[in-house]
Amino acid sequence: MDNYYMKPLTLMLLLMIAPLVAGLYGAMHDQISYTVSPEFFLKFRFPQVFGADMSNWTKPGNERIGAAIIGFQNSWKVGVLLGIILALAGFMHKDQKDMFKHTLQAYFVTMIIAFFSGLTGLLTGINSTHHISSFPEGISDPVSFKAVETMHNFSYMGGIAGMLIGVLWHLYKKRKKENPMM
């Protein structure tokens, strides 16, 4: 196939990969969250996401599946946005092979930064007992609940920072290829 069409086809493939990768990341992220504070899901996220029909996800043994579904649902959409930005930034590379490789690396960089931002949020939340005020009724462990809430907020901010660094990653790789002595 003509090289003229390869970069747009590569873009389409990258745009399909991004939400899948982000959704899987979200599912794993929420497994950590669930481990720290099951109440965050049972008393806050499940009712928020599934509404009144959350019976399948509150049965013993199903809660982690519900947490993974919520993580996937909340993250795949973010993956679409990040994928668009990072895959379009990949067009700066000379060919579709570099575009694909460096965009996947940018996705990975974004996830690593989001992950470590989330861990920072978790540690911040665990070590911070102030600002524990309004929670759903019946929360027995407000510190863990707050830690998970903080973890989620930090992760979203880390995803944005990671996306920006992912764009810088593209620039770095392009310049390095153009000037190997760098």
N, C-alpha and C. Protein backbone atom coordinates (compact mmCIF):
# COMPACT_ATOMS: atom_id res chain seq x y z
N MET A 1 0.85 -1.18 0.00
CA MET A 1 0.00 0.00 0.00
C MET A 1 0.89 1.24 0.00
N ASP A 2 0.46 2.26 -0.67
CA ASP A 2 1.19 3.52 -0.78
C ASP A 2 1.42 4.14 0.59
N ASN A 3 2.61 4.69 0.81
CA ASN A 3 2.95 5.33 2.08
C ASN A 3 2.03 6.50 2.41
N TYR A 4 1.43 7.08 1.40
CA TYR A 4 0.52 8.21 1.61
C TYR A 4 -0.63 7.82 2.53
N TYR A 5 -1.09 6.57 2.41
CA TYR A 5 -2.23 6.11 3.20
C TYR A 5 -1.83 5.47 4.53
N MET A 6 -0.55 5.18 4.70
CA MET A 6 -0.14 4.42 5.88
C MET A 6 -0.25 5.23 7.18
N LYS A 7 0.12 6.47 7.16
CA LYS A 7 0.03 7.25 8.39
C LYS A 7 -1.42 7.47 8.83
N PRO A 8 -2.35 7.78 7.93
CA PRO A 8 -3.75 7.85 8.37
C PRO A 8 -4.29 6.51 8.90
N LEU A 9 -3.88 5.40 8.27
CA LEU A 9 -4.31 4.09 8.77
C LEU A 9 -3.69 3.82 10.14
N THR A 10 -2.45 4.22 10.31
CA THR A 10 -1.79 4.08 11.60
C THR A 10 -2.50 4.92 12.65
N LEU A 11 -2.91 6.12 12.27
CA LEU A 11 -3.68 6.97 13.18
C LEU A 11 -4.96 6.26 13.61
N MET A 12 -5.66 5.66 12.68
CA MET A 12 -6.91 4.98 13.02
C MET A 12 -6.65 3.83 14.00
N LEU A 13 -5.59 3.08 13.77
CA LEU A 13 -5.24 1.98 14.67
C LEU A 13 -4.90 2.52 16.06
N LEU A 14 -4.12 3.57 16.12
CA LEU A 14 -3.76 4.17 17.41
C LEU A 14 -4.99 4.71 18.14
N LEU A 15 -5.93 5.25 17.39
CA LEU A 15 -7.16 5.76 18.00
C LEU A 15 -8.05 4.64 18.53
N MET A 16 -7.92 3.45 17.98
CA MET A 16 -8.66 2.30 18.51
C MET A 16 -7.96 1.71 19.75
N ILE A 17 -6.65 1.76 19.76
CA ILE A 17 -5.88 1.20 20.86
C ILE A 17 -6.02 2.05 22.13
N ALA A 18 -6.01 3.37 21.98
CA ALA A 18 -5.99 4.27 23.14
C ALA A 18 -7.13 4.06 24.13
N PRO A 19 -8.39 4.01 23.70
CA PRO A 19 -9.45 3.80 24.69
C PRO A 19 -9.40 2.42 25.33
N LEU A 20 -8.97 1.43 24.58
CA LEU A 20 -8.85 0.09 25.14
C LEU A 20 -7.78 0.06 26.23
N VAL A 21 -6.63 0.62 25.93
CA VAL A 21 -5.54 0.67 26.92
C VAL A 21 -5.96 1.50 28.14
N ALA A 22 -6.59 2.63 27.90
CA ALA A 22 -7.03 3.48 29.01
C ALA A 22 -8.09 2.77 29.85
N GLY A 23 -9.00 2.07 29.21
CA GLY A 23 -10.03 1.35 29.95
C GLY A 23 -9.44 0.25 30.81
N LEU A 24 -8.48 -0.49 30.26
CA LEU A 24 -7.82 -1.54 31.05
C LEU A 24 -7.03 -0.93 32.20
N TYR A 25 -6.39 0.20 31.95
CA TYR A 25 -5.69 0.91 33.02
C TYR A 25 -6.69 1.30 34.12
N GLY A 26 -7.83 1.83 33.74
CA GLY A 26 -8.84 2.23 34.71
C GLY A 26 -9.36 1.05 35.52
N ALA A 27 -9.54 -0.09 34.86
CA ALA A 27 -10.00 -1.29 35.56
C ALA A 27 -8.98 -1.73 36.61
N MET A 28 -7.70 -1.69 36.25
CA MET A 28 -6.66 -2.06 37.21
C MET A 28 -6.54 -1.02 38.32
N HIS A 29 -6.64 0.23 37.96
CA HIS A 29 -6.57 1.33 38.93
C HIS A 29 -7.65 1.16 39.99
N ASP A 30 -8.84 0.82 39.55
CA ASP A 30 -9.94 0.68 40.50
C ASP A 30 -9.85 -0.60 41.33
N GLN A 31 -9.04 -1.54 40.91
CA GLN A 31 -8.79 -2.69 41.77
C GLN A 31 -7.94 -2.27 42.97
N ILE A 32 -6.98 -1.40 42.73
CA ILE A 32 -6.20 -0.84 43.84
C ILE A 32 -7.10 -0.02 44.74
N SER A 33 -7.92 0.82 44.14
CA SER A 33 -8.85 1.66 44.90
C SER A 33 -9.78 0.81 45.76
N TYR A 34 -10.30 -0.25 45.18
CA TYR A 34 -11.22 -1.12 45.91
C TYR A 34 -10.51 -1.79 47.09
N THR A 35 -9.26 -2.17 46.89
CA THR A 35 -8.49 -2.80 47.96
C THR A 35 -8.35 -1.84 49.15
N VAL A 36 -8.11 -0.57 48.86
CA VAL A 36 -7.92 0.43 49.92
C VAL A 36 -9.25 0.77 50.59
N SER A 37 -10.30 0.98 49.80
CA SER A 37 -11.59 1.39 50.37
C SER A 37 -12.76 0.77 49.61
N PRO A 38 -13.18 -0.42 50.00
CA PRO A 38 -14.38 -0.99 49.38
C PRO A 38 -15.59 -0.08 49.54
N GLU A 39 -15.63 0.67 50.64
CA GLU A 39 -16.77 1.58 50.88
C GLU A 39 -16.88 2.65 49.81
N PHE A 40 -15.76 3.07 49.25
CA PHE A 40 -15.77 4.08 48.20
C PHE A 40 -16.65 3.61 47.04
N PHE A 41 -16.59 2.32 46.76
CA PHE A 41 -17.41 1.75 45.68
C PHE A 41 -18.80 1.40 46.17
N LEU A 42 -18.88 0.70 47.28
CA LEU A 42 -20.16 0.20 47.76
C LEU A 42 -21.13 1.32 48.13
N LYS A 43 -20.62 2.42 48.67
CA LYS A 43 -21.51 3.48 49.16
C LYS A 43 -21.46 4.76 48.33
N PHE A 44 -20.56 4.80 47.36
CA PHE A 44 -20.45 6.03 46.56
C PHE A 44 -20.48 5.73 45.06
N ARG A 45 -19.49 5.00 44.55
CA ARG A 45 -19.38 4.81 43.10
C ARG A 45 -20.48 3.91 42.52
N PHE A 46 -20.78 2.79 43.18
CA PHE A 46 -21.82 1.90 42.63
C PHE A 46 -23.15 2.63 42.51
N PRO A 47 -23.63 3.29 43.57
CA PRO A 47 -24.90 4.01 43.41
C PRO A 47 -24.82 5.13 42.37
N GLN A 48 -23.64 5.77 42.27
CA GLN A 48 -23.46 6.87 41.32
C GLN A 48 -23.50 6.37 39.88
N VAL A 49 -22.84 5.26 39.62
CA VAL A 49 -22.72 4.76 38.25
C VAL A 49 -23.88 3.85 37.86
N PHE A 50 -24.21 2.91 38.72
CA PHE A 50 -25.23 1.94 38.37
C PHE A 50 -26.62 2.35 38.83
N GLY A 51 -26.74 3.40 39.59
CA GLY A 51 -28.03 3.86 40.06
C GLY A 51 -28.67 2.85 41.01
N ALA A 52 -29.96 2.72 40.89
CA ALA A 52 -30.70 1.85 41.80
C ALA A 52 -30.39 0.37 41.54
N ASP A 53 -30.06 0.02 40.31
CA ASP A 53 -29.82 -1.39 39.99
C ASP A 53 -28.34 -1.72 40.13
N MET A 54 -27.91 -1.88 41.36
CA MET A 54 -26.53 -2.25 41.63
C MET A 54 -26.44 -3.59 42.33
N SER A 55 -27.54 -4.32 42.35
CA SER A 55 -27.59 -5.57 43.09
C SER A 55 -26.57 -6.60 42.60
N ASN A 56 -26.31 -6.64 41.31
CA ASN A 56 -25.34 -7.60 40.78
C ASN A 56 -23.93 -7.32 41.28
N TRP A 57 -23.63 -6.07 41.53
CA TRP A 57 -22.26 -5.70 41.89
C TRP A 57 -22.03 -5.63 43.39
N THR A 58 -23.06 -5.78 44.18
CA THR A 58 -22.89 -5.77 45.62
C THR A 58 -22.99 -7.16 46.22
N LYS A 59 -23.24 -8.16 45.39
CA LYS A 59 -23.24 -9.54 45.89
C LYS A 59 -21.80 -9.92 46.23
N PRO A 60 -21.62 -10.67 47.31
CA PRO A 60 -20.26 -11.09 47.66
C PRO A 60 -19.57 -11.79 46.49
N GLY A 61 -18.39 -11.35 46.20
CA GLY A 61 -17.61 -11.91 45.10
C GLY A 61 -17.71 -11.13 43.80
N ASN A 62 -18.70 -10.28 43.66
CA ASN A 62 -18.88 -9.52 42.43
C ASN A 62 -18.40 -8.08 42.52
N GLU A 63 -18.07 -7.63 43.73
CA GLU A 63 -17.75 -6.21 43.90
C GLU A 63 -16.53 -5.78 43.08
N ARG A 64 -15.54 -6.64 43.02
CA ARG A 64 -14.33 -6.29 42.25
C ARG A 64 -14.63 -6.20 40.76
N ILE A 65 -15.51 -7.04 40.27
CA ILE A 65 -15.91 -6.96 38.86
C ILE A 65 -16.61 -5.62 38.62
N GLY A 66 -17.49 -5.24 39.54
CA GLY A 66 -18.15 -3.94 39.43
C GLY A 66 -17.16 -2.79 39.46
N ALA A 67 -16.16 -2.88 40.34
CA ALA A 67 -15.13 -1.83 40.40
C ALA A 67 -14.36 -1.77 39.09
N ALA A 68 -14.04 -2.93 38.52
CA ALA A 68 -13.31 -2.96 37.24
C ALA A 68 -14.16 -2.35 36.12
N ILE A 69 -15.46 -2.65 36.12
CA ILE A 69 -16.36 -2.09 35.10
C ILE A 69 -16.40 -0.57 35.23
N ILE A 70 -16.52 -0.08 36.45
CA ILE A 70 -16.54 1.37 36.67
C ILE A 70 -15.23 1.99 36.21
N GLY A 71 -14.10 1.35 36.56
CA GLY A 71 -12.80 1.87 36.12
C GLY A 71 -12.68 1.93 34.62
N PHE A 72 -13.15 0.88 33.95
CA PHE A 72 -13.10 0.87 32.49
C PHE A 72 -13.99 1.97 31.92
N GLN A 73 -15.23 2.05 32.43
CA GLN A 73 -16.19 3.06 31.94
C GLN A 73 -15.67 4.49 32.11
N ASN A 74 -15.02 4.75 33.23
CA ASN A 74 -14.54 6.10 33.50
C ASN A 74 -13.28 6.45 32.73
N SER A 75 -12.52 5.45 32.31
CA SER A 75 -11.22 5.72 31.71
C SER A 75 -11.19 5.64 30.19
N TRP A 76 -12.03 4.82 29.58
CA TRP A 76 -11.92 4.68 28.13
C TRP A 76 -12.18 6.00 27.43
N LYS A 77 -13.09 6.82 28.00
CA LYS A 77 -13.41 8.11 27.38
C LYS A 77 -12.22 9.06 27.46
N VAL A 78 -11.51 9.01 28.57
CA VAL A 78 -10.29 9.81 28.71
C VAL A 78 -9.27 9.33 27.68
N GLY A 79 -9.23 8.01 27.46
CA GLY A 79 -8.33 7.44 26.47
C GLY A 79 -8.60 7.95 25.06
N VAL A 80 -9.86 8.20 24.75
CA VAL A 80 -10.19 8.75 23.43
C VAL A 80 -9.53 10.11 23.26
N LEU A 81 -9.71 10.98 24.25
CA LEU A 81 -9.12 12.33 24.18
C LEU A 81 -7.59 12.26 24.13
N LEU A 82 -7.00 11.49 25.05
CA LEU A 82 -5.54 11.38 25.07
C LEU A 82 -5.03 10.75 23.78
N GLY A 83 -5.76 9.76 23.28
CA GLY A 83 -5.35 9.11 22.04
C GLY A 83 -5.37 10.06 20.86
N ILE A 84 -6.39 10.88 20.78
CA ILE A 84 -6.47 11.85 19.68
C ILE A 84 -5.26 12.78 19.73
N ILE A 85 -4.99 13.33 20.89
CA ILE A 85 -3.90 14.30 21.02
C ILE A 85 -2.55 13.65 20.77
N LEU A 86 -2.31 12.50 21.42
CA LEU A 86 -1.00 11.86 21.27
C LEU A 86 -0.80 11.23 19.88
N ALA A 87 -1.85 10.68 19.31
CA ALA A 87 -1.73 10.10 17.97
C ALA A 87 -1.54 11.18 16.91
N LEU A 88 -2.26 12.30 17.05
CA LEU A 88 -2.04 13.40 16.10
C LEU A 88 -0.64 13.97 16.24
N ALA A 89 -0.13 14.03 17.47
CA ALA A 89 1.26 14.48 17.66
C ALA A 89 2.22 13.53 16.96
N GLY A 90 1.83 12.26 16.85
CA GLY A 90 2.68 11.28 16.17
C GLY A 90 2.88 11.54 14.69
N PHE A 91 2.01 12.35 14.11
CA PHE A 91 2.17 12.69 12.69
C PHE A 91 3.48 13.43 12.41
N MET A 92 4.12 13.96 13.43
CA MET A 92 5.37 14.68 13.22
C MET A 92 6.50 13.76 12.78
N HIS A 93 6.34 12.46 13.00
CA HIS A 93 7.40 11.52 12.65
C HIS A 93 7.40 11.24 11.16
N LYS A 94 8.56 10.87 10.68
CA LYS A 94 8.76 10.72 9.23
C LYS A 94 7.90 9.62 8.62
N ASP A 95 7.77 8.49 9.31
CA ASP A 95 7.01 7.39 8.74
C ASP A 95 6.06 6.78 9.77
N GLN A 96 5.20 5.88 9.29
CA GLN A 96 4.19 5.29 10.15
C GLN A 96 4.79 4.39 11.22
N LYS A 97 5.96 3.79 10.97
CA LYS A 97 6.57 2.92 11.98
C LYS A 97 6.99 3.74 13.20
N ASP A 98 7.66 4.86 12.95
CA ASP A 98 8.05 5.73 14.07
C ASP A 98 6.81 6.34 14.74
N MET A 99 5.84 6.70 13.92
CA MET A 99 4.60 7.26 14.46
C MET A 99 3.95 6.27 15.43
N PHE A 100 3.84 5.02 15.01
CA PHE A 100 3.20 3.99 15.83
C PHE A 100 4.02 3.74 17.10
N LYS A 101 5.30 3.50 16.92
CA LYS A 101 6.17 3.16 18.05
C LYS A 101 6.20 4.28 19.09
N HIS A 102 6.41 5.49 18.65
CA HIS A 102 6.55 6.60 19.60
C HIS A 102 5.22 7.01 20.22
N THR A 103 4.12 6.79 19.50
CA THR A 103 2.82 7.07 20.10
C THR A 103 2.50 6.04 21.17
N LEU A 104 2.80 4.77 20.93
CA LEU A 104 2.60 3.76 21.98
C LEU A 104 3.47 4.09 23.19
N GLN A 105 4.69 4.55 22.94
CA GLN A 105 5.55 4.95 24.06
C GLN A 105 4.94 6.13 24.81
N ALA A 106 4.37 7.07 24.07
CA ALA A 106 3.72 8.23 24.71
C ALA A 106 2.52 7.79 25.54
N TYR A 107 1.76 6.80 25.06
CA TYR A 107 0.66 6.24 25.85
C TYR A 107 1.21 5.67 27.16
N PHE A 108 2.30 4.92 27.05
CA PHE A 108 2.91 4.30 28.22
C PHE A 108 3.40 5.36 29.21
N VAL A 109 4.07 6.39 28.70
CA VAL A 109 4.54 7.49 29.54
C VAL A 109 3.36 8.12 30.28
N THR A 110 2.27 8.34 29.58
CA THR A 110 1.08 8.93 30.18
C THR A 110 0.54 8.06 31.30
N MET A 111 0.46 6.75 31.05
CA MET A 111 -0.05 5.84 32.08
C MET A 111 0.87 5.79 33.31
N ILE A 112 2.16 5.79 33.08
CA ILE A 112 3.10 5.74 34.21
C ILE A 112 2.96 6.99 35.07
N ILE A 113 2.86 8.14 34.42
CA ILE A 113 2.71 9.39 35.18
C ILE A 113 1.38 9.42 35.91
N ALA A 114 0.32 8.97 35.27
CA ALA A 114 -0.99 8.91 35.94
C ALA A 114 -0.94 7.95 37.12
N PHE A 115 -0.29 6.80 36.94
CA PHE A 115 -0.19 5.81 38.00
C PHE A 115 0.54 6.37 39.22
N PHE A 116 1.72 6.95 38.99
CA PHE A 116 2.49 7.47 40.11
C PHE A 116 1.84 8.71 40.72
N SER A 117 1.12 9.46 39.92
CA SER A 117 0.34 10.58 40.48
C SER A 117 -0.76 10.04 41.39
N GLY A 118 -1.40 8.96 40.95
CA GLY A 118 -2.43 8.32 41.77
C GLY A 118 -1.87 7.79 43.08
N LEU A 119 -0.70 7.16 43.02
CA LEU A 119 -0.06 6.69 44.25
C LEU A 119 0.28 7.85 45.18
N THR A 120 0.73 8.94 44.59
CA THR A 120 1.01 10.14 45.40
C THR A 120 -0.28 10.62 46.06
N GLY A 121 -1.36 10.63 45.31
CA GLY A 121 -2.66 11.02 45.86
C GLY A 121 -3.10 10.08 46.97
N LEU A 122 -2.87 8.80 46.78
CA LEU A 122 -3.24 7.82 47.81
C LEU A 122 -2.47 8.09 49.09
N LEU A 123 -1.16 8.28 48.97
CA LEU A 123 -0.34 8.56 50.15
C LEU A 123 -0.71 9.89 50.79
N THR A 124 -1.01 10.87 49.97
CA THR A 124 -1.44 12.17 50.48
C THR A 124 -2.75 12.02 51.25
N GLY A 125 -3.68 11.29 50.67
CA GLY A 125 -4.97 11.09 51.31
C GLY A 125 -4.88 10.31 52.60
N ILE A 126 -4.03 9.29 52.63
CA ILE A 126 -3.85 8.49 53.85
C ILE A 126 -3.23 9.33 54.96
N ASN A 127 -2.30 10.18 54.60
CA ASN A 127 -1.57 10.97 55.60
C ASN A 127 -2.25 12.28 55.94
N SER A 128 -3.39 12.53 55.34
CA SER A 128 -4.09 13.79 55.58
C SER A 128 -5.45 13.50 56.20
N THR A 129 -5.61 13.91 57.43
CA THR A 129 -6.91 13.68 58.07
C THR A 129 -7.78 14.93 58.04
N HIS A 130 -7.24 16.04 57.56
CA HIS A 130 -8.09 17.23 57.47
C HIS A 130 -8.95 17.16 56.20
N HIS A 131 -9.95 17.94 56.17
CA HIS A 131 -10.90 18.00 55.05
C HIS A 131 -11.74 16.74 54.91
N ILE A 132 -11.87 15.97 55.98
CA ILE A 132 -12.79 14.84 55.96
C ILE A 132 -14.10 15.36 56.50
N SER A 133 -14.99 15.65 55.61
CA SER A 133 -16.24 16.27 56.05
C SER A 133 -17.45 15.50 55.53
N SER A 134 -17.91 15.83 54.35
CA SER A 134 -19.16 15.25 53.88
C SER A 134 -18.91 13.97 53.08
N PHE A 135 -19.37 12.88 53.64
CA PHE A 135 -19.28 11.58 53.00
C PHE A 135 -20.67 10.96 52.97
N PRO A 136 -20.87 9.96 52.15
CA PRO A 136 -22.14 9.24 52.21
C PRO A 136 -22.35 8.66 53.61
N GLU A 137 -23.59 8.45 53.94
CA GLU A 137 -23.91 7.91 55.27
C GLU A 137 -23.28 6.54 55.49
N GLY A 138 -22.87 6.32 56.73
CA GLY A 138 -22.42 5.00 57.13
C GLY A 138 -20.99 4.65 56.77
N ILE A 139 -20.16 5.63 56.44
CA ILE A 139 -18.77 5.34 56.12
C ILE A 139 -18.04 5.02 57.43
N SER A 140 -17.49 3.82 57.51
CA SER A 140 -16.82 3.42 58.75
C SER A 140 -15.33 3.74 58.73
N ASP A 141 -14.75 3.96 57.54
CA ASP A 141 -13.32 4.27 57.44
C ASP A 141 -13.14 5.51 56.56
N PRO A 142 -13.39 6.69 57.14
CA PRO A 142 -13.30 7.91 56.33
C PRO A 142 -11.90 8.21 55.81
N VAL A 143 -10.86 7.77 56.51
CA VAL A 143 -9.50 8.03 56.05
C VAL A 143 -9.23 7.28 54.74
N SER A 144 -9.59 6.01 54.68
CA SER A 144 -9.39 5.23 53.45
C SER A 144 -10.27 5.76 52.32
N PHE A 145 -11.50 6.14 52.65
CA PHE A 145 -12.41 6.71 51.66
C PHE A 145 -11.78 7.96 51.06
N LYS A 146 -11.30 8.86 51.91
CA LYS A 146 -10.67 10.10 51.46
C LYS A 146 -9.41 9.81 50.66
N ALA A 147 -8.64 8.80 51.08
CA ALA A 147 -7.42 8.45 50.36
C ALA A 147 -7.72 8.02 48.93
N VAL A 148 -8.78 7.23 48.76
CA VAL A 148 -9.15 6.77 47.42
C VAL A 148 -9.70 7.94 46.59
N GLU A 149 -10.48 8.77 47.21
CA GLU A 149 -10.99 9.96 46.51
C GLU A 149 -9.82 10.83 46.02
N THR A 150 -8.84 11.03 46.88
CA THR A 150 -7.66 11.82 46.52
C THR A 150 -6.85 11.11 45.43
N MET A 151 -6.75 9.80 45.54
CA MET A 151 -6.04 9.02 44.53
C MET A 151 -6.65 9.23 43.15
N HIS A 152 -7.97 9.19 43.07
CA HIS A 152 -8.65 9.37 41.79
C HIS A 152 -8.41 10.77 41.23
N ASN A 153 -8.50 11.78 42.08
CA ASN A 153 -8.27 13.16 41.62
C ASN A 153 -6.84 13.34 41.12
N PHE A 154 -5.88 12.83 41.86
CA PHE A 154 -4.48 12.94 41.44
C PHE A 154 -4.24 12.17 40.14
N SER A 155 -4.90 11.03 39.97
CA SER A 155 -4.71 10.25 38.74
C SER A 155 -5.18 11.00 37.51
N TYR A 156 -6.32 11.68 37.62
CA TYR A 156 -6.80 12.46 36.48
C TYR A 156 -5.83 13.60 36.14
N MET A 157 -5.33 14.25 37.18
CA MET A 157 -4.35 15.32 36.95
C MET A 157 -3.05 14.74 36.35
N GLY A 158 -2.68 13.55 36.83
CA GLY A 158 -1.50 12.88 36.28
C GLY A 158 -1.69 12.50 34.83
N GLY A 159 -2.91 12.13 34.46
CA GLY A 159 -3.19 11.81 33.06
C GLY A 159 -3.01 13.02 32.15
N ILE A 160 -3.45 14.17 32.63
CA ILE A 160 -3.27 15.41 31.85
C ILE A 160 -1.80 15.75 31.74
N ALA A 161 -1.10 15.69 32.87
CA ALA A 161 0.35 15.97 32.85
C ALA A 161 1.07 14.96 31.97
N GLY A 162 0.66 13.69 32.07
CA GLY A 162 1.28 12.65 31.25
C GLY A 162 1.06 12.87 29.77
N MET A 163 -0.12 13.35 29.41
CA MET A 163 -0.40 13.64 28.01
C MET A 163 0.53 14.74 27.50
N LEU A 164 0.71 15.78 28.30
CA LEU A 164 1.61 16.86 27.89
C LEU A 164 3.04 16.35 27.76
N ILE A 165 3.45 15.53 28.68
CA ILE A 165 4.80 14.95 28.61
C ILE A 165 4.89 13.98 27.44
N GLY A 166 3.79 13.30 27.12
CA GLY A 166 3.75 12.43 25.95
C GLY A 166 3.98 13.20 24.66
N VAL A 167 3.42 14.39 24.56
CA VAL A 167 3.66 15.24 23.38
C VAL A 167 5.14 15.64 23.35
N LEU A 168 5.68 16.00 24.51
CA LEU A 168 7.12 16.32 24.58
C LEU A 168 7.97 15.11 24.21
N TRP A 169 7.50 13.91 24.56
CA TRP A 169 8.20 12.68 24.19
C TRP A 169 8.31 12.58 22.67
N HIS A 170 7.21 12.86 21.97
CA HIS A 170 7.24 12.87 20.50
C HIS A 170 8.29 13.85 19.98
N LEU A 171 8.28 15.04 20.53
CA LEU A 171 9.25 16.05 20.10
C LEU A 171 10.68 15.59 20.35
N TYR A 172 10.91 15.03 21.51
CA TYR A 172 12.24 14.53 21.86
C TYR A 172 12.68 13.44 20.88
N LYS A 173 11.82 12.48 20.60
CA LYS A 173 12.17 11.38 19.70
C LYS A 173 12.41 11.86 18.27
N LYS A 174 11.62 12.84 17.85
CA LYS A 174 11.81 13.39 16.50
C LYS A 174 13.16 14.11 16.40
N ARG A 175 13.45 14.93 17.38
CA ARG A 175 14.73 15.66 17.36
C ARG A 175 15.91 14.71 17.49
N LYS A 176 15.77 13.69 18.28
CA LYS A 176 16.85 12.72 18.46
C LYS A 176 17.12 11.98 17.14
N LYS A 177 16.07 11.66 16.41
CA LYS A 177 16.24 10.97 15.12
C LYS A 177 16.90 11.90 14.10
N GLU A 178 16.52 13.17 14.17
CA GLU A 178 17.11 14.15 13.22
C GLU A 178 18.54 14.49 13.60
N ASN A 179 18.85 14.43 14.89
CA ASN A 179 20.19 14.76 15.37
C ASN A 179 20.63 13.70 16.37
N PRO A 180 21.17 12.58 15.89
CA PRO A 180 21.54 11.45 16.76
C PRO A 180 22.59 11.82 17.83
N MET A 181 23.29 12.89 17.67
CA MET A 181 24.32 13.29 18.64
C MET A 181 23.69 13.92 19.88
N MET A 182 22.41 14.15 19.85
CA MET A 182 21.71 14.79 20.97
C MET A 182 21.73 13.96 22.22
